[in-house]
């Protein structure tokens, strides 16, 4: 864990794990495991590219992964307001 890409992508991946575990423990789980593959693979790719001096592409993949989580997985639906 030496670069900002290491810390950021591991943090996003940890958030994905928490989201998956929280949703899979529900009485009627609606999410499937395959829905979490794109952002997880995106984190791995962004980390690799960021560590190999491809900063712009790495940041674009990080943003795309976060957008997928936000719009595809909708992590904040179901919260009481």
N, C-alpha and C. Protein backbone atom coordinates (compact mmCIF):
# COMPACT_ATOMS: atom_id res chain seq x y z
N UNK A 1 0.85 -1.17 0.00
CA UNK A 1 0.00 0.00 0.00
C UNK A 1 0.90 1.23 0.00
N UNK A 2 1.29 1.61 -1.20
CA UNK A 2 2.25 2.70 -1.33
C UNK A 2 1.69 3.92 -2.04
N UNK A 3 0.70 3.75 -2.90
CA UNK A 3 0.22 4.88 -3.69
C UNK A 3 -1.22 5.21 -3.33
N UNK A 4 -1.66 6.35 -3.82
CA UNK A 4 -3.03 6.77 -3.61
C UNK A 4 -4.00 5.79 -4.29
N UNK A 5 -3.56 5.19 -5.37
CA UNK A 5 -4.40 4.23 -6.08
C UNK A 5 -4.63 2.98 -5.24
N UNK A 6 -3.60 2.55 -4.54
CA UNK A 6 -3.74 1.40 -3.64
C UNK A 6 -4.81 1.68 -2.59
N UNK A 7 -4.66 2.80 -1.91
CA UNK A 7 -5.58 3.13 -0.82
C UNK A 7 -7.00 3.36 -1.33
N UNK A 8 -7.14 4.09 -2.41
CA UNK A 8 -8.47 4.42 -2.92
C UNK A 8 -9.21 3.19 -3.45
N UNK A 9 -8.53 2.39 -4.24
CA UNK A 9 -9.21 1.23 -4.81
C UNK A 9 -9.52 0.17 -3.76
N UNK A 10 -8.65 0.01 -2.78
CA UNK A 10 -8.95 -0.94 -1.70
C UNK A 10 -10.12 -0.42 -0.87
N UNK A 11 -10.21 0.89 -0.67
CA UNK A 11 -11.34 1.46 0.07
C UNK A 11 -12.66 1.24 -0.67
N UNK A 12 -12.64 1.45 -1.97
CA UNK A 12 -13.85 1.23 -2.77
C UNK A 12 -14.23 -0.25 -2.74
N UNK A 13 -13.24 -1.11 -2.88
CA UNK A 13 -13.51 -2.55 -2.85
C UNK A 13 -14.07 -2.97 -1.49
N UNK A 14 -13.53 -2.41 -0.41
CA UNK A 14 -14.05 -2.72 0.93
C UNK A 14 -15.51 -2.26 1.05
N UNK A 15 -15.83 -1.11 0.48
CA UNK A 15 -17.21 -0.64 0.47
C UNK A 15 -18.12 -1.58 -0.30
N UNK A 16 -17.63 -2.11 -1.42
CA UNK A 16 -18.40 -3.09 -2.18
C UNK A 16 -18.67 -4.35 -1.36
N UNK A 17 -17.67 -4.79 -0.62
CA UNK A 17 -17.82 -5.98 0.21
C UNK A 17 -18.88 -5.74 1.28
N UNK A 18 -18.81 -4.59 1.93
CA UNK A 18 -19.79 -4.27 2.97
C UNK A 18 -21.20 -4.20 2.38
N UNK A 19 -21.33 -3.56 1.23
CA UNK A 19 -22.63 -3.46 0.58
C UNK A 19 -23.17 -4.85 0.22
N UNK A 20 -22.32 -5.69 -0.33
CA UNK A 20 -22.76 -7.04 -0.70
C UNK A 20 -23.17 -7.84 0.54
N UNK A 21 -22.36 -7.80 1.58
CA UNK A 21 -22.69 -8.57 2.79
C UNK A 21 -23.96 -8.06 3.45
N UNK A 22 -24.14 -6.74 3.46
CA UNK A 22 -25.35 -6.17 4.05
C UNK A 22 -26.58 -6.60 3.27
N UNK A 23 -26.49 -6.56 1.97
CA UNK A 23 -27.65 -6.91 1.15
C UNK A 23 -27.89 -8.42 1.10
N UNK A 24 -26.84 -9.21 1.17
CA UNK A 24 -27.02 -10.66 1.10
C UNK A 24 -27.57 -11.22 2.41
N UNK A 25 -27.49 -10.45 3.48
CA UNK A 25 -28.02 -10.93 4.76
C UNK A 25 -29.49 -10.56 4.94
N UNK A 26 -30.08 -9.89 3.97
CA UNK A 26 -31.50 -9.54 4.04
C UNK A 26 -32.35 -10.80 3.91
N UNK A 27 -33.59 -10.69 4.33
CA UNK A 27 -34.48 -11.86 4.26
C UNK A 27 -34.69 -12.31 2.82
N UNK A 28 -34.81 -11.35 1.91
CA UNK A 28 -34.97 -11.66 0.49
C UNK A 28 -33.90 -10.92 -0.29
N UNK A 29 -32.71 -11.49 -0.45
CA UNK A 29 -31.65 -10.79 -1.19
C UNK A 29 -32.06 -10.57 -2.65
N UNK A 30 -31.84 -9.34 -3.13
CA UNK A 30 -32.19 -9.00 -4.50
C UNK A 30 -30.98 -8.94 -5.42
N UNK A 31 -29.83 -8.69 -4.85
CA UNK A 31 -28.62 -8.56 -5.66
C UNK A 31 -28.01 -9.92 -5.97
N UNK A 32 -27.38 -9.98 -7.13
CA UNK A 32 -26.63 -11.17 -7.53
C UNK A 32 -25.15 -10.84 -7.47
N UNK A 33 -24.33 -11.84 -7.29
CA UNK A 33 -22.89 -11.64 -7.16
C UNK A 33 -22.29 -11.02 -8.42
N UNK A 34 -22.78 -11.39 -9.59
CA UNK A 34 -22.21 -10.89 -10.84
C UNK A 34 -22.35 -9.37 -10.97
N UNK A 35 -23.31 -8.76 -10.27
CA UNK A 35 -23.50 -7.31 -10.34
C UNK A 35 -22.32 -6.54 -9.73
N UNK A 36 -21.55 -7.21 -8.89
CA UNK A 36 -20.43 -6.57 -8.22
C UNK A 36 -19.12 -6.75 -8.99
N UNK A 37 -19.12 -7.55 -10.03
CA UNK A 37 -17.89 -7.79 -10.80
C UNK A 37 -17.37 -6.55 -11.52
N UNK A 38 -18.20 -5.77 -12.23
CA UNK A 38 -17.64 -4.62 -12.96
C UNK A 38 -16.89 -3.62 -12.08
N UNK A 39 -17.46 -3.17 -10.94
CA UNK A 39 -16.66 -2.23 -10.15
C UNK A 39 -15.44 -2.88 -9.48
N UNK A 40 -15.53 -4.16 -9.14
CA UNK A 40 -14.38 -4.84 -8.54
C UNK A 40 -13.25 -4.97 -9.56
N UNK A 41 -13.58 -5.34 -10.78
CA UNK A 41 -12.57 -5.43 -11.83
C UNK A 41 -12.05 -4.04 -12.18
N UNK A 42 -12.94 -3.05 -12.14
CA UNK A 42 -12.52 -1.67 -12.36
C UNK A 42 -11.51 -1.20 -11.32
N UNK A 43 -11.72 -1.57 -10.06
CA UNK A 43 -10.76 -1.22 -9.01
C UNK A 43 -9.40 -1.86 -9.27
N UNK A 44 -9.40 -3.11 -9.66
CA UNK A 44 -8.14 -3.79 -9.95
C UNK A 44 -7.44 -3.14 -11.14
N UNK A 45 -8.19 -2.85 -12.18
CA UNK A 45 -7.59 -2.24 -13.38
C UNK A 45 -7.07 -0.83 -13.08
N UNK A 46 -7.85 -0.05 -12.34
CA UNK A 46 -7.42 1.31 -12.00
C UNK A 46 -6.17 1.29 -11.14
N UNK A 47 -6.11 0.37 -10.20
CA UNK A 47 -4.92 0.25 -9.35
C UNK A 47 -3.71 -0.12 -10.19
N UNK A 48 -3.85 -1.07 -11.08
CA UNK A 48 -2.75 -1.48 -11.94
C UNK A 48 -2.28 -0.31 -12.82
N UNK A 49 -3.22 0.34 -13.46
CA UNK A 49 -2.86 1.44 -14.36
C UNK A 49 -2.25 2.61 -13.60
N UNK A 50 -2.82 2.92 -12.44
CA UNK A 50 -2.28 4.01 -11.64
C UNK A 50 -0.87 3.74 -11.18
N UNK A 51 -0.59 2.50 -10.84
CA UNK A 51 0.76 2.14 -10.40
C UNK A 51 1.74 2.02 -11.55
N UNK A 52 1.24 2.07 -12.77
CA UNK A 52 2.11 2.00 -13.96
C UNK A 52 2.03 3.28 -14.78
N UNK A 53 1.91 4.40 -14.09
CA UNK A 53 2.00 5.74 -14.68
C UNK A 53 0.95 6.03 -15.75
N UNK A 54 -0.24 5.52 -15.57
CA UNK A 54 -1.36 5.82 -16.45
C UNK A 54 -2.45 6.52 -15.62
N UNK A 55 -2.10 7.67 -15.06
CA UNK A 55 -2.95 8.34 -14.07
C UNK A 55 -4.32 8.72 -14.63
N UNK A 56 -4.36 9.31 -15.79
CA UNK A 56 -5.63 9.78 -16.34
C UNK A 56 -6.59 8.61 -16.56
N UNK A 57 -6.10 7.57 -17.15
CA UNK A 57 -6.94 6.39 -17.40
C UNK A 57 -7.37 5.75 -16.08
N UNK A 58 -6.48 5.72 -15.11
CA UNK A 58 -6.81 5.15 -13.80
C UNK A 58 -7.94 5.95 -13.14
N UNK A 59 -7.84 7.28 -13.16
CA UNK A 59 -8.89 8.11 -12.56
C UNK A 59 -10.21 7.96 -13.30
N UNK A 60 -10.17 7.82 -14.61
CA UNK A 60 -11.41 7.63 -15.36
C UNK A 60 -12.08 6.31 -14.99
N UNK A 61 -11.30 5.27 -14.81
CA UNK A 61 -11.86 3.97 -14.42
C UNK A 61 -12.40 4.02 -13.00
N UNK A 62 -11.70 4.73 -12.11
CA UNK A 62 -12.21 4.88 -10.74
C UNK A 62 -13.55 5.61 -10.76
N UNK A 63 -13.65 6.68 -11.52
CA UNK A 63 -14.91 7.41 -11.62
C UNK A 63 -16.00 6.57 -12.25
N UNK A 64 -15.66 5.79 -13.26
CA UNK A 64 -16.64 4.91 -13.89
C UNK A 64 -17.12 3.83 -12.91
N UNK A 65 -16.21 3.30 -12.10
CA UNK A 65 -16.59 2.29 -11.11
C UNK A 65 -17.52 2.89 -10.06
N UNK A 66 -17.20 4.10 -9.60
CA UNK A 66 -18.06 4.76 -8.62
C UNK A 66 -19.43 5.10 -9.22
N UNK A 67 -19.44 5.50 -10.49
CA UNK A 67 -20.72 5.79 -11.15
C UNK A 67 -21.56 4.53 -11.27
N UNK A 68 -20.92 3.40 -11.58
CA UNK A 68 -21.64 2.14 -11.66
C UNK A 68 -22.24 1.78 -10.31
N UNK A 69 -21.46 1.94 -9.26
CA UNK A 69 -21.97 1.63 -7.92
C UNK A 69 -23.15 2.55 -7.59
N UNK A 70 -23.01 3.83 -7.86
CA UNK A 70 -24.05 4.80 -7.52
C UNK A 70 -25.34 4.55 -8.31
N UNK A 71 -25.23 4.37 -9.62
CA UNK A 71 -26.42 4.23 -10.46
C UNK A 71 -26.87 2.78 -10.65
N UNK A 72 -25.95 1.85 -10.60
CA UNK A 72 -26.29 0.46 -10.84
C UNK A 72 -26.69 -0.29 -9.59
N UNK A 73 -25.91 -0.12 -8.53
CA UNK A 73 -26.18 -0.84 -7.29
C UNK A 73 -27.03 -0.05 -6.31
N UNK A 74 -27.08 1.27 -6.48
CA UNK A 74 -27.89 2.16 -5.65
C UNK A 74 -27.70 1.87 -4.16
N UNK A 75 -26.54 2.22 -3.61
CA UNK A 75 -26.24 1.84 -2.23
C UNK A 75 -27.08 2.54 -1.17
N UNK A 76 -27.73 3.65 -1.48
CA UNK A 76 -28.45 4.39 -0.45
C UNK A 76 -29.96 4.25 -0.54
N UNK A 77 -30.46 3.37 -1.38
CA UNK A 77 -31.90 3.15 -1.42
C UNK A 77 -32.30 2.33 -0.19
N UNK A 78 -33.46 2.65 0.33
CA UNK A 78 -33.94 1.93 1.49
C UNK A 78 -33.57 2.57 2.82
N UNK A 79 -32.80 3.66 2.78
CA UNK A 79 -32.47 4.37 4.02
C UNK A 79 -33.66 5.19 4.44
N UNK A 80 -33.92 5.25 5.73
CA UNK A 80 -35.00 6.11 6.24
C UNK A 80 -34.52 7.54 6.23
N UNK A 81 -35.42 8.42 5.84
CA UNK A 81 -35.06 9.83 5.72
C UNK A 81 -35.63 10.63 6.84
